[in-house]
Amino acid sequence: MSSDPSKTTGQLHSTKGSMKETLGTMTGQQNLQQTGKEERAQGDAEYNQARAQGYAEGTKDRAGGVKDSVLGSITGDKTQQTQGNMRQDKGEAQQDVNRKL
C-alpha cells in the first residue's frame, strides 16, 4: 500500500481479495484462499484508514470554518464570514461522506 490511504485502492484490493478467496474455496486451493483473505483484509483496512483520514480533514475544515465565520461576524467582515460558512459546509459534507454507517 502507498503512504496515503485511498478508498478506491482499498476497495479494489478488498474486491480482488474476495474473488481470490472465493476461487480458492471453490477449487480447494487453500494457499489462494488464504492469500485472498489477507488481501481483502488489507484492502478493508486501507479503505477504513482513508475514510477516517477524510473524516478528520472534514472536522478540521468544519472547525476552521466556524472560527472564520464567527470572527468575520464579530469584525463585520462579510467576506470572511461567507468564506467561513463555505468552509464549514465543505467540512460537514466531507464528514458525511466519510461517516461510518
N, C-alpha and C. Protein backbone atom coordinates (compact mmCIF):
# COMPACT_ATOMS: atom_id res chain seq x y z
N MET A 1 0.83 -1.18 0.00
CA MET A 1 0.00 0.00 0.00
C MET A 1 0.87 1.25 0.00
N SER A 2 0.34 2.32 -0.56
CA SER A 2 1.08 3.57 -0.60
C SER A 2 1.02 4.24 0.77
N SER A 3 1.78 5.35 0.90
CA SER A 3 1.81 6.04 2.18
C SER A 3 0.49 6.75 2.47
N ASP A 4 -0.22 7.18 1.44
CA ASP A 4 -1.52 7.82 1.63
C ASP A 4 -2.61 6.80 1.33
N PRO A 5 -3.46 6.52 2.32
CA PRO A 5 -4.52 5.55 2.07
C PRO A 5 -5.54 6.09 1.07
N SER A 6 -6.11 5.18 0.30
CA SER A 6 -7.08 5.55 -0.73
C SER A 6 -8.30 4.64 -0.60
N LYS A 7 -9.48 5.26 -0.60
CA LYS A 7 -10.70 4.44 -0.55
C LYS A 7 -10.83 3.60 -1.81
N THR A 8 -10.47 4.17 -2.96
CA THR A 8 -10.58 3.45 -4.23
C THR A 8 -9.65 2.24 -4.25
N THR A 9 -8.38 2.45 -3.90
CA THR A 9 -7.42 1.35 -3.88
C THR A 9 -7.83 0.31 -2.84
N GLY A 10 -8.29 0.76 -1.71
CA GLY A 10 -8.74 -0.16 -0.66
C GLY A 10 -9.88 -1.04 -1.15
N GLN A 11 -10.85 -0.44 -1.83
CA GLN A 11 -11.98 -1.23 -2.35
C GLN A 11 -11.52 -2.21 -3.42
N LEU A 12 -10.59 -1.77 -4.26
CA LEU A 12 -10.07 -2.63 -5.31
C LEU A 12 -9.41 -3.87 -4.71
N HIS A 13 -8.54 -3.68 -3.72
CA HIS A 13 -7.87 -4.81 -3.10
C HIS A 13 -8.84 -5.69 -2.31
N SER A 14 -9.83 -5.09 -1.69
CA SER A 14 -10.82 -5.86 -0.97
C SER A 14 -11.61 -6.76 -1.92
N THR A 15 -12.04 -6.20 -3.04
CA THR A 15 -12.80 -6.97 -4.03
C THR A 15 -11.93 -8.06 -4.65
N LYS A 16 -10.72 -7.69 -5.02
CA LYS A 16 -9.78 -8.66 -5.62
C LYS A 16 -9.50 -9.79 -4.63
N GLY A 17 -9.30 -9.44 -3.38
CA GLY A 17 -9.05 -10.45 -2.36
C GLY A 17 -10.24 -11.37 -2.16
N SER A 18 -11.44 -10.81 -2.17
CA SER A 18 -12.65 -11.63 -2.03
C SER A 18 -12.79 -12.63 -3.18
N MET A 19 -12.44 -12.15 -4.40
CA MET A 19 -12.52 -13.03 -5.56
C MET A 19 -11.51 -14.16 -5.45
N LYS A 20 -10.30 -13.86 -5.03
CA LYS A 20 -9.28 -14.89 -4.85
C LYS A 20 -9.71 -15.88 -3.78
N GLU A 21 -10.24 -15.35 -2.70
CA GLU A 21 -10.68 -16.20 -1.59
C GLU A 21 -11.78 -17.16 -2.05
N THR A 22 -12.74 -16.63 -2.80
CA THR A 22 -13.84 -17.46 -3.31
C THR A 22 -13.32 -18.51 -4.28
N LEU A 23 -12.45 -18.11 -5.18
CA LEU A 23 -11.88 -19.04 -6.15
C LEU A 23 -11.08 -20.12 -5.43
N GLY A 24 -10.31 -19.73 -4.43
CA GLY A 24 -9.55 -20.70 -3.65
C GLY A 24 -10.46 -21.69 -2.93
N THR A 25 -11.57 -21.21 -2.42
CA THR A 25 -12.54 -22.08 -1.74
C THR A 25 -13.17 -23.05 -2.74
N MET A 26 -13.55 -22.52 -3.90
CA MET A 26 -14.21 -23.36 -4.91
C MET A 26 -13.28 -24.43 -5.48
N THR A 27 -12.00 -24.12 -5.61
CA THR A 27 -11.06 -25.07 -6.22
C THR A 27 -10.30 -25.87 -5.18
N GLY A 28 -10.48 -25.56 -3.93
CA GLY A 28 -9.79 -26.28 -2.86
C GLY A 28 -8.33 -25.86 -2.70
N GLN A 29 -7.96 -24.72 -3.27
CA GLN A 29 -6.59 -24.22 -3.15
C GLN A 29 -6.49 -23.33 -1.91
N GLN A 30 -6.07 -23.93 -0.83
CA GLN A 30 -6.03 -23.20 0.44
C GLN A 30 -5.05 -22.02 0.40
N ASN A 31 -3.95 -22.14 -0.35
CA ASN A 31 -3.00 -21.04 -0.45
C ASN A 31 -3.66 -19.82 -1.11
N LEU A 32 -4.40 -20.04 -2.20
CA LEU A 32 -5.10 -18.96 -2.88
C LEU A 32 -6.18 -18.37 -1.98
N GLN A 33 -6.87 -19.23 -1.26
CA GLN A 33 -7.91 -18.78 -0.33
C GLN A 33 -7.30 -17.89 0.75
N GLN A 34 -6.16 -18.30 1.31
CA GLN A 34 -5.51 -17.54 2.37
C GLN A 34 -4.96 -16.21 1.83
N THR A 35 -4.36 -16.25 0.66
CA THR A 35 -3.84 -15.04 0.03
C THR A 35 -4.97 -14.04 -0.21
N GLY A 36 -6.09 -14.54 -0.69
CA GLY A 36 -7.25 -13.68 -0.92
C GLY A 36 -7.78 -13.08 0.36
N LYS A 37 -7.83 -13.87 1.40
CA LYS A 37 -8.32 -13.39 2.70
C LYS A 37 -7.43 -12.27 3.22
N GLU A 38 -6.12 -12.44 3.07
CA GLU A 38 -5.17 -11.43 3.54
C GLU A 38 -5.29 -10.14 2.71
N GLU A 39 -5.42 -10.28 1.37
CA GLU A 39 -5.54 -9.09 0.53
C GLU A 39 -6.84 -8.35 0.81
N ARG A 40 -7.92 -9.10 1.04
CA ARG A 40 -9.20 -8.46 1.39
C ARG A 40 -9.08 -7.68 2.69
N ALA A 41 -8.43 -8.27 3.68
CA ALA A 41 -8.26 -7.60 4.98
C ALA A 41 -7.42 -6.34 4.84
N GLN A 42 -6.36 -6.40 4.03
CA GLN A 42 -5.53 -5.22 3.81
C GLN A 42 -6.32 -4.13 3.08
N GLY A 43 -7.12 -4.53 2.10
CA GLY A 43 -7.95 -3.57 1.37
C GLY A 43 -8.98 -2.91 2.28
N ASP A 44 -9.61 -3.72 3.12
CA ASP A 44 -10.59 -3.17 4.07
C ASP A 44 -9.92 -2.18 5.04
N ALA A 45 -8.72 -2.54 5.49
CA ALA A 45 -8.00 -1.66 6.41
C ALA A 45 -7.63 -0.34 5.74
N GLU A 46 -7.17 -0.40 4.49
CA GLU A 46 -6.81 0.83 3.78
C GLU A 46 -8.05 1.70 3.55
N TYR A 47 -9.16 1.09 3.17
CA TYR A 47 -10.40 1.83 2.95
C TYR A 47 -10.82 2.55 4.23
N ASN A 48 -10.80 1.83 5.34
CA ASN A 48 -11.22 2.41 6.61
C ASN A 48 -10.27 3.50 7.07
N GLN A 49 -8.96 3.33 6.81
CA GLN A 49 -7.99 4.35 7.17
C GLN A 49 -8.22 5.62 6.34
N ALA A 50 -8.49 5.45 5.05
CA ALA A 50 -8.75 6.62 4.19
C ALA A 50 -10.03 7.33 4.61
N ARG A 51 -11.02 6.57 5.00
CA ARG A 51 -12.27 7.17 5.44
C ARG A 51 -12.07 7.95 6.75
N ALA A 52 -11.29 7.39 7.66
CA ALA A 52 -11.02 8.09 8.92
C ALA A 52 -10.22 9.37 8.67
N GLN A 53 -9.27 9.30 7.75
CA GLN A 53 -8.48 10.48 7.41
C GLN A 53 -9.37 11.56 6.79
N GLY A 54 -10.27 11.17 5.91
CA GLY A 54 -11.19 12.12 5.29
C GLY A 54 -12.12 12.76 6.32
N TYR A 55 -12.57 11.96 7.28
CA TYR A 55 -13.44 12.48 8.34
C TYR A 55 -12.68 13.51 9.18
N ALA A 56 -11.42 13.20 9.51
CA ALA A 56 -10.61 14.11 10.31
C ALA A 56 -10.37 15.42 9.56
N GLU A 57 -10.11 15.33 8.26
CA GLU A 57 -9.92 16.54 7.46
C GLU A 57 -11.21 17.37 7.42
N GLY A 58 -12.34 16.70 7.34
CA GLY A 58 -13.62 17.39 7.37
C GLY A 58 -13.85 18.09 8.69
N THR A 59 -13.46 17.45 9.77
CA THR A 59 -13.59 18.04 11.10
C THR A 59 -12.74 19.31 11.21
N LYS A 60 -11.52 19.23 10.67
CA LYS A 60 -10.62 20.38 10.69
C LYS A 60 -11.21 21.54 9.88
N ASP A 61 -11.72 21.25 8.68
CA ASP A 61 -12.33 22.31 7.86
C ASP A 61 -13.56 22.89 8.54
N ARG A 62 -14.35 22.02 9.12
CA ARG A 62 -15.58 22.49 9.77
C ARG A 62 -15.26 23.43 10.93
N ALA A 63 -14.30 23.05 11.77
CA ALA A 63 -13.93 23.89 12.91
C ALA A 63 -13.30 25.20 12.45
N GLY A 64 -12.43 25.13 11.44
CA GLY A 64 -11.82 26.34 10.91
C GLY A 64 -12.86 27.26 10.29
N GLY A 65 -13.85 26.68 9.66
CA GLY A 65 -14.92 27.48 9.06
C GLY A 65 -15.75 28.19 10.10
N VAL A 66 -16.05 27.51 11.19
CA VAL A 66 -16.80 28.13 12.28
C VAL A 66 -16.01 29.31 12.84
N LYS A 67 -14.72 29.09 13.06
CA LYS A 67 -13.85 30.15 13.59
C LYS A 67 -13.86 31.37 12.65
N ASP A 68 -13.65 31.13 11.36
CA ASP A 68 -13.62 32.23 10.39
C ASP A 68 -14.97 32.94 10.31
N SER A 69 -16.04 32.17 10.36
CA SER A 69 -17.37 32.76 10.27
C SER A 69 -17.67 33.65 11.47
N VAL A 70 -17.34 33.16 12.66
CA VAL A 70 -17.58 33.93 13.88
C VAL A 70 -16.70 35.17 13.90
N LEU A 71 -15.43 35.00 13.55
CA LEU A 71 -14.52 36.15 13.52
C LEU A 71 -14.99 37.19 12.51
N GLY A 72 -15.42 36.73 11.34
CA GLY A 72 -15.94 37.65 10.33
C GLY A 72 -17.18 38.38 10.81
N SER A 73 -18.03 37.67 11.52
CA SER A 73 -19.25 38.27 12.06
C SER A 73 -18.91 39.34 13.10
N ILE A 74 -17.97 39.03 13.97
CA ILE A 74 -17.59 39.97 15.03
C ILE A 74 -16.94 41.22 14.46
N THR A 75 -16.08 41.03 13.45
CA THR A 75 -15.35 42.17 12.89
C THR A 75 -16.12 42.87 11.78
N GLY A 76 -17.24 42.30 11.37
CA GLY A 76 -18.04 42.89 10.30
C GLY A 76 -17.50 42.59 8.91
N ASP A 77 -16.60 41.61 8.81
CA ASP A 77 -16.00 41.23 7.52
C ASP A 77 -16.89 40.17 6.88
N LYS A 78 -17.80 40.62 6.01
CA LYS A 78 -18.76 39.72 5.38
C LYS A 78 -18.08 38.67 4.50
N THR A 79 -16.97 39.05 3.86
CA THR A 79 -16.25 38.11 3.01
C THR A 79 -15.69 36.96 3.86
N GLN A 80 -15.06 37.28 4.96
CA GLN A 80 -14.52 36.25 5.85
C GLN A 80 -15.64 35.39 6.42
N GLN A 81 -16.74 36.01 6.75
CA GLN A 81 -17.88 35.27 7.30
C GLN A 81 -18.42 34.29 6.26
N THR A 82 -18.57 34.75 5.02
CA THR A 82 -19.08 33.90 3.95
C THR A 82 -18.12 32.76 3.66
N GLN A 83 -16.83 33.07 3.58
CA GLN A 83 -15.83 32.03 3.33
C GLN A 83 -15.81 31.01 4.46
N GLY A 84 -15.97 31.49 5.68
CA GLY A 84 -16.04 30.59 6.84
C GLY A 84 -17.24 29.66 6.75
N ASN A 85 -18.38 30.22 6.36
CA ASN A 85 -19.59 29.39 6.21
C ASN A 85 -19.39 28.33 5.13
N MET A 86 -18.74 28.73 4.03
CA MET A 86 -18.50 27.78 2.94
C MET A 86 -17.54 26.68 3.37
N ARG A 87 -16.48 27.05 4.11
CA ARG A 87 -15.53 26.05 4.60
C ARG A 87 -16.20 25.11 5.60
N GLN A 88 -17.06 25.65 6.43
CA GLN A 88 -17.79 24.83 7.39
C GLN A 88 -18.68 23.83 6.65
N ASP A 89 -19.38 24.28 5.63
CA ASP A 89 -20.24 23.40 4.84
C ASP A 89 -19.42 22.32 4.13
N LYS A 90 -18.26 22.71 3.60
CA LYS A 90 -17.38 21.74 2.95
C LYS A 90 -16.93 20.67 3.93
N GLY A 91 -16.53 21.09 5.12
CA GLY A 91 -16.09 20.14 6.15
C GLY A 91 -17.21 19.21 6.58
N GLU A 92 -18.39 19.75 6.70
CA GLU A 92 -19.55 18.94 7.08
C GLU A 92 -19.86 17.90 6.01
N ALA A 93 -19.78 18.31 4.75
CA ALA A 93 -20.02 17.37 3.65
C ALA A 93 -18.97 16.27 3.64
N GLN A 94 -17.72 16.64 3.89
CA GLN A 94 -16.65 15.64 3.91
C GLN A 94 -16.84 14.68 5.08
N GLN A 95 -17.29 15.17 6.20
CA GLN A 95 -17.58 14.29 7.32
C GLN A 95 -18.70 13.31 6.96
N ASP A 96 -19.75 13.82 6.32
CA ASP A 96 -20.88 12.97 5.94
C ASP A 96 -20.46 11.85 4.99
N VAL A 97 -19.61 12.18 4.02
CA VAL A 97 -19.15 11.19 3.04
C VAL A 97 -18.31 10.11 3.72
N ASN A 98 -17.59 10.45 4.76
CA ASN A 98 -16.67 9.52 5.41
C ASN A 98 -17.18 8.96 6.72
N ARG A 99 -18.42 9.25 7.07
CA ARG A 99 -19.01 8.77 8.32
C ARG A 99 -19.26 7.27 8.23
N LYS A 100 -18.99 6.58 9.31
CA LYS A 100 -19.29 5.14 9.35
C LYS A 100 -20.79 4.93 9.38
N LEU A 101 -21.23 3.92 8.68
CA LEU A 101 -22.67 3.62 8.63
C LEU A 101 -23.12 2.87 9.84
